[in-house]
Every structure is written in C-alpha cells, then in structure tokens.
Protein backbone atom coordinates (compact mmCIF):
# COMPACT_ATOMS: atom_id res chain seq x y z
CA MET A 1 3.12 -20.46 52.18
CA SER A 2 3.34 -21.51 48.53
CA THR A 3 5.80 -18.70 47.74
CA VAL A 4 8.13 -20.00 50.46
CA VAL A 5 8.01 -23.50 48.97
CA LEU A 6 8.67 -22.17 45.46
CA ALA A 7 11.58 -20.04 46.68
CA ALA A 8 13.11 -23.03 48.49
CA ALA A 9 12.68 -25.23 45.40
CA GLN A 10 14.57 -22.71 43.26
CA GLU A 11 17.53 -22.69 45.68
CA ILE A 12 18.07 -26.45 45.51
CA VAL A 13 20.82 -27.32 43.04
CA PHE A 14 21.29 -31.00 42.21
CA LYS A 15 24.83 -32.08 41.42
CA PRO A 16 25.68 -35.14 39.35
CA ALA A 17 27.13 -38.10 41.26
CA GLY A 18 30.55 -37.64 39.69
CA TRP A 19 33.64 -39.76 39.37
CA VAL A 20 33.71 -40.91 42.99
CA ALA A 21 30.42 -42.78 42.62
CA LEU A 22 31.57 -44.34 39.33
CA ILE A 23 34.80 -45.56 40.91
CA LEU A 24 32.88 -46.91 43.90
CA ILE A 25 30.45 -48.86 41.70
CA LEU A 26 33.25 -50.23 39.53
CA GLY A 27 35.17 -51.28 42.66
CA LEU A 28 32.12 -53.11 43.97
CA CYS A 29 31.72 -54.89 40.62
CA VAL A 30 35.37 -55.99 40.64
CA GLY A 31 35.04 -57.20 44.22
CA LEU A 32 31.89 -59.14 43.32
CA PHE A 33 33.69 -60.74 40.36
CA PHE A 34 36.52 -62.02 42.56
CA LEU A 35 34.07 -63.16 45.25
CA MET A 36 32.09 -65.20 42.71
CA ARG A 37 35.29 -66.65 41.28
CA SER A 38 36.48 -67.69 44.73
CA MET A 39 33.10 -69.23 45.57
CA SER A 40 33.18 -71.20 42.32
CA HIS A 41 36.56 -72.68 43.26
CA GLN A 42 35.31 -73.55 46.76
CA MET A 43 32.20 -75.27 45.40
CA LYS A 44 34.35 -77.43 43.09
CA LYS A 45 36.26 -78.71 46.14
CA ILE A 46 33.13 -80.12 47.82
CA ASP A 47 32.77 -83.90 47.59
CA PHE A 48 29.04 -84.51 47.46
CA ASP A 49 27.55 -88.02 47.34
CA GLU A 50 24.07 -87.74 45.81
CA GLU A 51 23.14 -91.37 46.47
CA ALA A 52 23.73 -91.04 50.22
CA THR A 53 21.46 -88.00 50.56
CA GLU A 54 18.66 -89.11 48.25
CA ARG A 55 15.32 -89.86 49.92
CA PRO A 56 13.77 -93.24 49.29
CA ARG A 57 10.91 -92.84 46.85
CA ARG A 58 7.56 -94.48 47.41
CA SER A 59 6.48 -96.89 44.76
CA ALA A 60 2.92 -96.90 43.44
CA GLN A 61 2.26 -100.31 45.04
CA GLU A 62 2.95 -99.38 48.66
CA PRO A 63 -0.11 -98.41 50.74
CA ARG A 64 -0.15 -94.88 52.06
CA ASP A 65 -0.84 -94.08 55.72
CA ASP A 66 -2.08 -90.53 55.04
CA ALA A 67 -5.78 -91.35 55.48
C-alpha cells in the first residue's frame, strides 16, 4: 500500500499559478480601489445631523429605576 502512495506522490507535478492568476489579483485590486473611491464620494453626500440622533444622557442626579 505504501509503495502505491509513494508512486502516486511522485507523479504529481505542481505548476506555478502563472500570469493569469497575477492578472486576476491585480484586476481585483483595481476594482476594489474604484469601489472604495466611489463609496467615499457617496458617504460625503450624506447629510447627517448628529444632534437629532444623539440619545439623551442621564445625569448623576437622576434616580435610576434599575433596582
């Protein structure tokens, strides 16, 4: 059994990924760059009022109803 495994292991030839994988990764990086740039422009367009969404904070003098 072990000779069959050793013979099969010797027949396996690993090839490097090559230029196609490099081009694919570079294309994904370029696409991600433009996606982030577009999202940055979209986020700048949002009108956000922080005072309207802020929760009222409890002061130290108010009694708490947690008990």
